[in-house]
Amino acid sequence: MNGGWFYGGGAFEQLIIQWSQMGIFTVLLPFILVFAVVFAILEKVQLLQNKAVHVIIALAIGLFTISNPYAVSFFAPIFSSLGLGVAILVCLIIVLGLAIKPDGKTWKTLFTIVGILIFIIVIAKSELLSFIGPTIYCGPQCQALIIFVVVIALAIIAALVWGKKEKSKKEKAIEAAMEAQMGG
């Protein structure tokens, strides 16, 4: 491997290769992530109401996770795909920020849908289904069909949930007046 800037990426590439050989990406980063998520959940739920106990539990779960070789090989493809998904989401935010006025409901709805789509694509591309068992895993055509069906189902659910329009005060007042006339 040539360490020059033109062929190999230079010192930064060598640093990344050294980190990879030391286990930073396969051991340390998954541990930190699992620890942070478990600790955040324990703090949010306040089950034990003791921060030191939450740290110990999160530490133990994080260490158990990285000691399992299946867990380490489980996280690697997911996080590499997730990084790509986050990059796409940031680009989408920039482009849509130029086109759509940033009000709360439109952005929340849009990013909920886009976030769910990115999650589905990350799961499909990371071969997560192969960890469940070889009989459940399907090829790219099957994954595309599953994604399509899930997207259609989410669109139907979104239409049902967000399609219910709240009556305005004026419409409610008209209905109340009509009921009063009919009843009186």
N, C-alpha and C. Protein backbone atom coordinates (compact mmCIF):
# COMPACT_ATOMS: atom_id res chain seq x y z
N MET A 1 0.83 -1.16 0.00
CA MET A 1 0.00 0.00 0.00
C MET A 1 0.88 1.23 0.00
N ASN A 2 0.63 2.13 -0.90
CA ASN A 2 1.40 3.35 -1.01
C ASN A 2 0.80 4.39 -0.08
N GLY A 3 1.59 5.03 0.74
CA GLY A 3 1.10 5.99 1.72
C GLY A 3 0.93 7.39 1.16
N GLY A 4 1.16 7.59 -0.15
CA GLY A 4 1.07 8.91 -0.75
C GLY A 4 -0.36 9.40 -0.90
N TRP A 5 -0.48 10.68 -1.10
CA TRP A 5 -1.79 11.30 -1.21
C TRP A 5 -2.50 10.91 -2.50
N PHE A 6 -1.77 10.60 -3.54
CA PHE A 6 -2.39 10.35 -4.82
C PHE A 6 -2.91 8.93 -4.96
N TYR A 7 -2.33 7.98 -4.27
CA TYR A 7 -2.72 6.59 -4.47
C TYR A 7 -3.42 5.96 -3.27
N GLY A 8 -3.03 6.33 -2.06
CA GLY A 8 -3.55 5.60 -0.92
C GLY A 8 -4.33 6.41 0.08
N GLY A 9 -4.42 7.70 -0.09
CA GLY A 9 -5.17 8.50 0.85
C GLY A 9 -4.31 9.11 1.95
N GLY A 10 -3.08 8.70 2.07
CA GLY A 10 -2.17 9.33 3.01
C GLY A 10 -2.30 8.86 4.43
N ALA A 11 -1.88 9.75 5.32
CA ALA A 11 -1.80 9.42 6.74
C ALA A 11 -3.18 9.16 7.35
N PHE A 12 -4.19 9.87 6.89
CA PHE A 12 -5.53 9.66 7.43
C PHE A 12 -6.03 8.25 7.14
N GLU A 13 -5.78 7.78 5.92
CA GLU A 13 -6.19 6.41 5.58
C GLU A 13 -5.44 5.40 6.44
N GLN A 14 -4.16 5.64 6.68
CA GLN A 14 -3.38 4.75 7.53
C GLN A 14 -3.91 4.75 8.97
N LEU A 15 -4.34 5.92 9.44
CA LEU A 15 -4.92 6.01 10.77
C LEU A 15 -6.21 5.20 10.87
N ILE A 16 -7.07 5.30 9.86
CA ILE A 16 -8.32 4.54 9.85
C ILE A 16 -8.03 3.04 9.81
N ILE A 17 -7.04 2.64 9.02
CA ILE A 17 -6.67 1.22 8.94
C ILE A 17 -6.14 0.74 10.30
N GLN A 18 -5.33 1.54 10.96
CA GLN A 18 -4.82 1.17 12.28
C GLN A 18 -5.97 1.05 13.28
N TRP A 19 -6.89 2.00 13.27
CA TRP A 19 -8.04 1.93 14.17
C TRP A 19 -8.85 0.67 13.93
N SER A 20 -9.01 0.33 12.65
CA SER A 20 -9.76 -0.87 12.31
C SER A 20 -9.05 -2.12 12.83
N GLN A 21 -7.73 -2.16 12.71
CA GLN A 21 -6.96 -3.30 13.20
C GLN A 21 -6.98 -3.38 14.73
N MET A 22 -7.10 -2.24 15.39
CA MET A 22 -7.14 -2.22 16.85
C MET A 22 -8.53 -2.57 17.38
N GLY A 23 -9.53 -2.61 16.53
CA GLY A 23 -10.87 -2.97 16.96
C GLY A 23 -11.75 -1.80 17.35
N ILE A 24 -11.36 -0.61 16.97
CA ILE A 24 -12.16 0.57 17.30
C ILE A 24 -13.57 0.45 16.72
N PHE A 25 -13.67 0.00 15.47
CA PHE A 25 -14.97 -0.04 14.79
C PHE A 25 -15.78 -1.28 15.12
N THR A 26 -15.12 -2.34 15.52
CA THR A 26 -15.84 -3.58 15.81
C THR A 26 -16.08 -3.81 17.29
N VAL A 27 -15.34 -3.12 18.15
CA VAL A 27 -15.48 -3.34 19.59
C VAL A 27 -15.86 -2.04 20.31
N LEU A 28 -15.04 -1.04 20.18
CA LEU A 28 -15.23 0.17 20.98
C LEU A 28 -16.49 0.95 20.59
N LEU A 29 -16.67 1.23 19.32
CA LEU A 29 -17.85 2.01 18.91
C LEU A 29 -19.17 1.29 19.18
N PRO A 30 -19.29 -0.03 18.89
CA PRO A 30 -20.54 -0.70 19.29
C PRO A 30 -20.77 -0.68 20.80
N PHE A 31 -19.68 -0.84 21.59
CA PHE A 31 -19.83 -0.77 23.04
C PHE A 31 -20.35 0.60 23.48
N ILE A 32 -19.75 1.66 22.95
CA ILE A 32 -20.18 3.01 23.33
C ILE A 32 -21.63 3.25 22.95
N LEU A 33 -22.01 2.78 21.77
CA LEU A 33 -23.39 2.98 21.32
C LEU A 33 -24.37 2.22 22.20
N VAL A 34 -24.10 0.95 22.46
CA VAL A 34 -25.01 0.14 23.30
C VAL A 34 -25.07 0.73 24.70
N PHE A 35 -23.93 1.11 25.24
CA PHE A 35 -23.90 1.72 26.57
C PHE A 35 -24.75 2.99 26.61
N ALA A 36 -24.57 3.86 25.61
CA ALA A 36 -25.30 5.13 25.59
C ALA A 36 -26.81 4.91 25.46
N VAL A 37 -27.21 4.00 24.59
CA VAL A 37 -28.64 3.75 24.38
C VAL A 37 -29.27 3.14 25.63
N VAL A 38 -28.62 2.15 26.22
CA VAL A 38 -29.17 1.50 27.42
C VAL A 38 -29.22 2.50 28.57
N PHE A 39 -28.16 3.29 28.73
CA PHE A 39 -28.14 4.28 29.80
C PHE A 39 -29.23 5.32 29.60
N ALA A 40 -29.42 5.78 28.37
CA ALA A 40 -30.47 6.77 28.10
C ALA A 40 -31.86 6.21 28.39
N ILE A 41 -32.08 4.97 28.02
CA ILE A 41 -33.38 4.34 28.30
C ILE A 41 -33.60 4.21 29.81
N LEU A 42 -32.59 3.76 30.53
CA LEU A 42 -32.71 3.62 31.99
C LEU A 42 -32.94 4.97 32.66
N GLU A 43 -32.27 6.00 32.18
CA GLU A 43 -32.45 7.33 32.75
C GLU A 43 -33.84 7.88 32.44
N LYS A 44 -34.33 7.62 31.25
CA LYS A 44 -35.66 8.12 30.86
C LYS A 44 -36.76 7.42 31.65
N VAL A 45 -36.64 6.12 31.80
CA VAL A 45 -37.66 5.34 32.50
C VAL A 45 -37.59 5.57 34.01
N GLN A 46 -36.39 5.83 34.54
CA GLN A 46 -36.17 6.02 35.97
C GLN A 46 -36.69 4.84 36.79
N LEU A 47 -36.37 3.65 36.32
CA LEU A 47 -36.82 2.44 37.00
C LEU A 47 -36.20 2.32 38.39
N LEU A 48 -34.90 2.53 38.48
CA LEU A 48 -34.21 2.36 39.76
C LEU A 48 -33.92 3.69 40.45
N GLN A 49 -34.01 4.79 39.74
CA GLN A 49 -33.79 6.14 40.26
C GLN A 49 -32.43 6.29 40.93
N ASN A 50 -31.44 5.64 40.34
CA ASN A 50 -30.08 5.74 40.85
C ASN A 50 -29.14 5.72 39.65
N LYS A 51 -28.49 6.86 39.41
CA LYS A 51 -27.65 7.00 38.22
C LYS A 51 -26.48 6.01 38.23
N ALA A 52 -25.90 5.75 39.37
CA ALA A 52 -24.76 4.83 39.45
C ALA A 52 -25.18 3.40 39.05
N VAL A 53 -26.35 2.99 39.47
CA VAL A 53 -26.85 1.67 39.11
C VAL A 53 -27.14 1.61 37.61
N HIS A 54 -27.67 2.70 37.07
CA HIS A 54 -27.93 2.75 35.63
C HIS A 54 -26.63 2.62 34.84
N VAL A 55 -25.56 3.28 35.31
CA VAL A 55 -24.26 3.19 34.65
C VAL A 55 -23.74 1.75 34.69
N ILE A 56 -23.86 1.10 35.84
CA ILE A 56 -23.37 -0.27 35.97
C ILE A 56 -24.16 -1.22 35.07
N ILE A 57 -25.47 -1.07 35.03
CA ILE A 57 -26.29 -1.94 34.16
C ILE A 57 -25.95 -1.70 32.70
N ALA A 58 -25.84 -0.43 32.29
CA ALA A 58 -25.50 -0.13 30.90
C ALA A 58 -24.11 -0.64 30.55
N LEU A 59 -23.18 -0.52 31.47
CA LEU A 59 -21.82 -1.03 31.26
C LEU A 59 -21.83 -2.54 31.08
N ALA A 60 -22.57 -3.24 31.93
CA ALA A 60 -22.64 -4.70 31.83
C ALA A 60 -23.27 -5.14 30.52
N ILE A 61 -24.36 -4.51 30.13
CA ILE A 61 -25.02 -4.88 28.87
C ILE A 61 -24.12 -4.57 27.69
N GLY A 62 -23.42 -3.42 27.74
CA GLY A 62 -22.49 -3.08 26.66
C GLY A 62 -21.36 -4.09 26.53
N LEU A 63 -20.80 -4.51 27.67
CA LEU A 63 -19.71 -5.50 27.64
C LEU A 63 -20.20 -6.86 27.19
N PHE A 64 -21.40 -7.27 27.63
CA PHE A 64 -21.96 -8.53 27.14
C PHE A 64 -22.17 -8.50 25.64
N THR A 65 -22.61 -7.35 25.15
CA THR A 65 -22.88 -7.23 23.72
C THR A 65 -21.61 -7.41 22.89
N ILE A 66 -20.53 -6.75 23.29
CA ILE A 66 -19.31 -6.86 22.47
C ILE A 66 -18.59 -8.18 22.68
N SER A 67 -18.92 -8.90 23.75
CA SER A 67 -18.29 -10.21 23.95
C SER A 67 -18.93 -11.27 23.06
N ASN A 68 -20.07 -10.99 22.50
CA ASN A 68 -20.77 -11.94 21.63
C ASN A 68 -20.36 -11.67 20.17
N PRO A 69 -19.70 -12.63 19.51
CA PRO A 69 -19.25 -12.39 18.13
C PRO A 69 -20.41 -12.15 17.16
N TYR A 70 -21.57 -12.72 17.43
CA TYR A 70 -22.72 -12.49 16.56
C TYR A 70 -23.20 -11.05 16.66
N ALA A 71 -23.14 -10.50 17.86
CA ALA A 71 -23.58 -9.12 18.04
C ALA A 71 -22.65 -8.15 17.31
N VAL A 72 -21.35 -8.42 17.37
CA VAL A 72 -20.39 -7.55 16.68
C VAL A 72 -20.61 -7.60 15.18
N SER A 73 -20.80 -8.80 14.62
CA SER A 73 -21.04 -8.90 13.17
C SER A 73 -22.45 -8.42 12.82
N PHE A 74 -23.33 -8.34 13.78
CA PHE A 74 -24.67 -7.81 13.58
C PHE A 74 -24.63 -6.29 13.42
N PHE A 75 -23.82 -5.61 14.23
CA PHE A 75 -23.79 -4.15 14.22
C PHE A 75 -23.04 -3.58 13.03
N ALA A 76 -22.01 -4.23 12.55
CA ALA A 76 -21.15 -3.66 11.51
C ALA A 76 -21.92 -3.26 10.25
N PRO A 77 -22.70 -4.15 9.61
CA PRO A 77 -23.39 -3.71 8.39
C PRO A 77 -24.52 -2.72 8.66
N ILE A 78 -25.13 -2.81 9.82
CA ILE A 78 -26.22 -1.89 10.12
C ILE A 78 -25.70 -0.46 10.24
N PHE A 79 -24.61 -0.27 10.97
CA PHE A 79 -24.13 1.08 11.20
C PHE A 79 -23.50 1.70 9.96
N SER A 80 -22.89 0.87 9.12
CA SER A 80 -22.36 1.44 7.88
C SER A 80 -23.51 1.89 6.98
N SER A 81 -24.58 1.12 6.92
CA SER A 81 -25.75 1.53 6.13
C SER A 81 -26.48 2.69 6.79
N LEU A 82 -26.52 2.71 8.10
CA LEU A 82 -27.18 3.80 8.82
C LEU A 82 -26.45 5.12 8.59
N GLY A 83 -25.14 5.08 8.54
CA GLY A 83 -24.37 6.29 8.24
C GLY A 83 -24.72 6.85 6.87
N LEU A 84 -24.88 5.96 5.91
CA LEU A 84 -25.28 6.39 4.58
C LEU A 84 -26.70 6.96 4.60
N GLY A 85 -27.59 6.33 5.36
CA GLY A 85 -28.96 6.82 5.47
C GLY A 85 -29.03 8.20 6.11
N VAL A 86 -28.22 8.44 7.13
CA VAL A 86 -28.19 9.75 7.77
C VAL A 86 -27.65 10.80 6.81
N ALA A 87 -26.64 10.45 6.03
CA ALA A 87 -26.11 11.39 5.04
C ALA A 87 -27.19 11.75 4.01
N ILE A 88 -27.97 10.76 3.58
CA ILE A 88 -29.05 11.03 2.64
C ILE A 88 -30.10 11.92 3.29
N LEU A 89 -30.43 11.67 4.55
CA LEU A 89 -31.41 12.47 5.27
C LEU A 89 -30.95 13.93 5.39
N VAL A 90 -29.67 14.16 5.68
CA VAL A 90 -29.15 15.52 5.78
C VAL A 90 -29.24 16.23 4.43
N CYS A 91 -28.90 15.52 3.35
CA CYS A 91 -29.03 16.11 2.02
C CYS A 91 -30.49 16.45 1.72
N LEU A 92 -31.39 15.58 2.10
CA LEU A 92 -32.81 15.82 1.89
C LEU A 92 -33.29 17.04 2.68
N ILE A 93 -32.82 17.20 3.90
CA ILE A 93 -33.17 18.37 4.71
C ILE A 93 -32.72 19.65 4.02
N ILE A 94 -31.53 19.63 3.48
CA ILE A 94 -31.00 20.82 2.80
C ILE A 94 -31.82 21.15 1.58
N VAL A 95 -32.09 20.15 0.74
CA VAL A 95 -32.85 20.39 -0.50
C VAL A 95 -34.28 20.81 -0.19
N LEU A 96 -34.94 20.11 0.72
CA LEU A 96 -36.32 20.45 1.04
C LEU A 96 -36.43 21.77 1.79
N GLY A 97 -35.39 22.13 2.52
CA GLY A 97 -35.38 23.42 3.21
C GLY A 97 -35.42 24.58 2.23
N LEU A 98 -34.94 24.36 1.03
CA LEU A 98 -34.99 25.39 0.01
C LEU A 98 -36.37 25.47 -0.64
N ALA A 99 -37.11 24.37 -0.63
CA ALA A 99 -38.37 24.31 -1.36
C ALA A 99 -39.61 24.43 -0.47
N ILE A 100 -39.53 23.97 0.77
CA ILE A 100 -40.70 23.93 1.63
C ILE A 100 -40.50 24.88 2.81
N LYS A 101 -41.54 25.61 3.13
CA LYS A 101 -41.50 26.49 4.30
C LYS A 101 -41.44 25.62 5.56
N PRO A 102 -40.47 25.86 6.41
CA PRO A 102 -40.30 24.97 7.57
C PRO A 102 -41.32 25.23 8.68
N ASP A 103 -42.51 24.65 8.54
CA ASP A 103 -43.46 24.70 9.65
C ASP A 103 -43.44 23.34 10.33
N GLY A 104 -43.93 23.28 11.53
CA GLY A 104 -43.79 22.09 12.36
C GLY A 104 -44.43 20.84 11.80
N LYS A 105 -45.70 20.91 11.40
CA LYS A 105 -46.44 19.71 11.03
C LYS A 105 -45.94 19.12 9.71
N THR A 106 -45.69 19.95 8.71
CA THR A 106 -45.23 19.45 7.41
C THR A 106 -43.89 18.75 7.55
N TRP A 107 -42.96 19.38 8.25
CA TRP A 107 -41.64 18.78 8.43
C TRP A 107 -41.71 17.51 9.24
N LYS A 108 -42.51 17.52 10.30
CA LYS A 108 -42.62 16.34 11.16
C LYS A 108 -43.18 15.15 10.37
N THR A 109 -44.22 15.41 9.59
CA THR A 109 -44.83 14.35 8.78
C THR A 109 -43.85 13.84 7.73
N LEU A 110 -43.21 14.77 7.04
CA LEU A 110 -42.28 14.40 5.98
C LEU A 110 -41.11 13.59 6.52
N PHE A 111 -40.53 14.01 7.62
CA PHE A 111 -39.37 13.31 8.13
C PHE A 111 -39.73 12.03 8.85
N THR A 112 -40.95 11.92 9.32
CA THR A 112 -41.40 10.63 9.86
C THR A 112 -41.45 9.61 8.73
N ILE A 113 -42.04 9.99 7.62
CA ILE A 113 -42.14 9.09 6.47
C ILE A 113 -40.76 8.75 5.92
N VAL A 114 -39.93 9.77 5.72
CA VAL A 114 -38.58 9.55 5.18
C VAL A 114 -37.75 8.72 6.16
N GLY A 115 -37.87 8.98 7.46
CA GLY A 115 -37.13 8.21 8.46
C GLY A 115 -37.52 6.74 8.44
N ILE A 116 -38.81 6.47 8.32
CA ILE A 116 -39.27 5.08 8.25
C ILE A 116 -38.74 4.41 6.99
N LEU A 117 -38.76 5.13 5.87
CA LEU A 117 -38.24 4.56 4.62
C LEU A 117 -36.75 4.26 4.73
N ILE A 118 -35.99 5.19 5.30
CA ILE A 118 -34.55 4.97 5.46
C ILE A 118 -34.30 3.79 6.39
N PHE A 119 -35.09 3.67 7.46
CA PHE A 119 -34.95 2.53 8.37
C PHE A 119 -35.19 1.22 7.64
N ILE A 120 -36.24 1.17 6.82
CA ILE A 120 -36.55 -0.05 6.07
C ILE A 120 -35.43 -0.38 5.09
N ILE A 121 -34.92 0.62 4.41
CA ILE A 121 -33.85 0.38 3.44
C ILE A 121 -32.58 -0.08 4.16
N VAL A 122 -32.26 0.53 5.31
CA VAL A 122 -31.07 0.12 6.07
C VAL A 122 -31.21 -1.34 6.49
N ILE A 123 -32.38 -1.72 6.99
CA ILE A 123 -32.59 -3.11 7.41
C ILE A 123 -32.45 -4.05 6.22
N ALA A 124 -33.04 -3.67 5.07
CA ALA A 124 -32.99 -4.54 3.89
C ALA A 124 -31.57 -4.65 3.34
N LYS A 125 -30.85 -3.55 3.30
CA LYS A 125 -29.51 -3.56 2.72
C LYS A 125 -28.46 -4.15 3.66
N SER A 126 -28.70 -4.15 4.95
CA SER A 126 -27.70 -4.65 5.89
C SER A 126 -27.77 -6.15 6.07
N GLU A 127 -28.65 -6.81 5.39
CA GLU A 127 -28.82 -8.26 5.47
C GLU A 127 -29.16 -8.68 6.90
N LEU A 128 -29.90 -7.83 7.61
CA LEU A 128 -30.32 -8.15 8.96
C LEU A 128 -31.21 -9.38 8.99
N LEU A 129 -31.99 -9.56 7.93
CA LEU A 129 -32.89 -10.70 7.89
C LEU A 129 -32.15 -12.04 7.88
N SER A 130 -30.89 -12.04 7.43
CA SER A 130 -30.14 -13.29 7.39
C SER A 130 -29.77 -13.77 8.80
N PHE A 131 -29.80 -12.89 9.81
CA PHE A 131 -29.53 -13.31 11.18
C PHE A 131 -30.71 -14.06 11.78
N ILE A 132 -31.90 -13.85 11.26
CA ILE A 132 -33.08 -14.53 11.78
C ILE A 132 -33.03 -16.00 11.39
N GLY A 133 -32.63 -16.27 10.19
CA GLY A 133 -32.52 -17.65 9.75
C GLY A 133 -32.46 -17.71 8.24
N PRO A 134 -31.82 -18.74 7.70
CA PRO A 134 -31.67 -18.82 6.25
C PRO A 134 -32.99 -19.05 5.51
N THR A 135 -33.99 -19.58 6.16
CA THR A 135 -35.25 -19.84 5.46
C THR A 135 -36.07 -18.56 5.30
N ILE A 136 -35.83 -17.55 6.14
CA ILE A 136 -36.60 -16.31 6.06
C ILE A 136 -35.96 -15.32 5.11
N TYR A 137 -34.64 -15.37 4.97
CA TYR A 137 -33.94 -14.41 4.13
C TYR A 137 -34.34 -14.58 2.67
N CYS A 138 -34.53 -13.47 1.99
CA CYS A 138 -34.87 -13.53 0.57
C CYS A 138 -33.93 -12.60 -0.20
N GLY A 139 -33.93 -12.75 -1.50
CA GLY A 139 -33.04 -11.99 -2.36
C GLY A 139 -33.49 -10.55 -2.55
N PRO A 140 -32.77 -9.82 -3.42
CA PRO A 140 -33.08 -8.41 -3.63
C PRO A 140 -34.49 -8.16 -4.18
N GLN A 141 -34.98 -9.04 -5.05
CA GLN A 141 -36.33 -8.85 -5.58
C GLN A 141 -37.37 -8.98 -4.48
N CYS A 142 -37.18 -9.95 -3.61
CA CYS A 142 -38.10 -10.15 -2.49
C CYS A 142 -38.02 -8.97 -1.52
N GLN A 143 -36.82 -8.48 -1.27
CA GLN A 143 -36.67 -7.33 -0.39
C GLN A 143 -37.35 -6.10 -0.99
N ALA A 144 -37.21 -5.91 -2.29
CA ALA A 144 -37.87 -4.78 -2.94
C ALA A 144 -39.38 -4.89 -2.81
N LEU A 145 -39.91 -6.09 -2.95
CA LEU A 145 -41.34 -6.30 -2.80
C LEU A 145 -41.78 -6.01 -1.36
N ILE A 146 -41.01 -6.46 -0.39
CA ILE A 146 -41.34 -6.19 1.01
C ILE A 146 -41.33 -4.69 1.28
N ILE A 147 -40.32 -4.00 0.77
CA ILE A 147 -40.24 -2.55 0.95
C ILE A 147 -41.44 -1.87 0.31
N PHE A 148 -41.81 -2.30 -0.89
CA PHE A 148 -42.95 -1.72 -1.59
C PHE A 148 -44.24 -1.92 -0.79
N VAL A 149 -44.45 -3.11 -0.29
CA VAL A 149 -45.67 -3.41 0.48
C VAL A 149 -45.70 -2.58 1.77
N VAL A 150 -44.55 -2.47 2.44
CA VAL A 150 -44.50 -1.69 3.67
C VAL A 150 -44.76 -0.21 3.39
N VAL A 151 -44.20 0.31 2.31
CA VAL A 151 -44.42 1.71 1.95
C VAL A 151 -45.89 1.96 1.65
N ILE A 152 -46.53 1.08 0.91
CA ILE A 152 -47.96 1.23 0.61
C ILE A 152 -48.77 1.16 1.91
N ALA A 153 -48.44 0.22 2.78
CA ALA A 153 -49.16 0.11 4.06
C ALA A 153 -48.98 1.37 4.90
N LEU A 154 -47.76 1.92 4.92
CA LEU A 154 -47.53 3.15 5.67
C LEU A 154 -48.28 4.32 5.07
N ALA A 155 -48.37 4.36 3.75
CA ALA A 155 -49.12 5.43 3.10
C ALA A 155 -50.60 5.35 3.44
N ILE A 156 -51.14 4.14 3.48
CA ILE A 156 -52.55 3.97 3.84
C ILE A 156 -52.77 4.37 5.29
N ILE A 157 -51.88 3.94 6.17
CA ILE A 157 -52.00 4.31 7.58
C ILE A 157 -51.89 5.82 7.76
N ALA A 158 -50.94 6.44 7.05
CA ALA A 158 -50.79 7.89 7.14
C ALA A 158 -52.03 8.61 6.64
N ALA A 159 -52.62 8.11 5.56
CA ALA A 159 -53.83 8.74 5.03
C ALA A 159 -54.98 8.61 6.02
N LEU A 160 -55.08 7.47 6.68
CA LEU A 160 -56.15 7.28 7.66
C LEU A 160 -55.94 8.14 8.90
N VAL A 161 -54.70 8.23 9.36
CA VAL A 161 -54.42 8.98 10.58
C VAL A 161 -54.48 10.49 10.33
N TRP A 162 -53.78 10.95 9.30
CA TRP A 162 -53.71 12.38 9.05
C TRP A 162 -54.84 12.87 8.16
N GLY A 163 -55.61 11.95 7.60
CA GLY A 163 -56.70 12.35 6.72
C GLY A 163 -57.93 12.84 7.47
N LYS A 164 -58.06 12.46 8.74
CA LYS A 164 -59.19 12.91 9.54
C LYS A 164 -59.00 14.39 9.83
N LYS A 165 -59.88 15.18 9.30
CA LYS A 165 -59.76 16.61 9.43
C LYS A 165 -60.60 17.08 10.61
N GLU A 166 -60.01 17.86 11.45
CA GLU A 166 -60.72 18.43 12.60
C GLU A 166 -61.64 19.54 12.09
N LYS A 167 -62.85 19.53 12.56
CA LYS A 167 -63.79 20.56 12.16
C LYS A 167 -63.38 21.89 12.77
N SER A 168 -63.54 22.95 11.97
CA SER A 168 -63.19 24.27 12.47
C SER A 168 -64.27 24.76 13.44
N LYS A 169 -63.97 25.84 14.15
CA LYS A 169 -64.92 26.41 15.10
C LYS A 169 -66.17 26.88 14.38
N LYS A 170 -65.99 27.41 13.18
CA LYS A 170 -67.12 27.91 12.40
C LYS A 170 -68.06 26.76 12.02
N GLU A 171 -67.49 25.65 11.56
CA GLU A 171 -68.31 24.49 11.19
C GLU A 171 -69.03 23.93 12.40
N LYS A 172 -68.36 23.89 13.56
CA LYS A 172 -69.00 23.40 14.78
C LYS A 172 -70.14 24.32 15.20
N ALA A 173 -69.94 25.64 15.05
CA ALA A 173 -70.98 26.60 15.42
C ALA A 173 -72.19 26.46 14.50
N ILE A 174 -71.95 26.23 13.19
CA ILE A 174 -73.05 26.06 12.24
C ILE A 174 -73.83 24.80 12.59
N GLU A 175 -73.13 23.70 12.88
CA GLU A 175 -73.81 22.45 13.24
C GLU A 175 -74.61 22.62 14.53
N ALA A 176 -74.07 23.33 15.51
CA ALA A 176 -74.79 23.55 16.76
C ALA A 176 -76.04 24.39 16.54
N ALA A 177 -75.93 25.41 15.66
CA ALA A 177 -77.08 26.26 15.36
C ALA A 177 -78.15 25.47 14.64
N MET A 178 -77.74 24.59 13.71
CA MET A 178 -78.72 23.78 12.98
C MET A 178 -79.41 22.79 13.92
N GLU A 179 -78.65 22.20 14.83
CA GLU A 179 -79.26 21.29 15.80
C GLU A 179 -80.23 22.02 16.71
N ALA A 180 -79.87 23.25 17.09
CA ALA A 180 -80.76 24.04 17.94
C ALA A 180 -82.06 24.38 17.23
N GLN A 181 -81.97 24.67 15.91
CA GLN A 181 -83.17 24.98 15.14
C GLN A 181 -84.04 23.75 14.97
N MET A 182 -83.40 22.62 14.73
CA MET A 182 -84.16 21.38 14.52
C MET A 182 -84.84 20.94 15.83
N GLY A 183 -84.11 21.06 16.89
CA GLY A 183 -84.62 20.60 18.17
C GLY A 183 -85.63 21.57 18.79
N GLY A 184 -85.53 22.85 18.45
CA GLY A 184 -86.35 23.85 19.13
C GLY A 184 -87.53 24.31 18.40
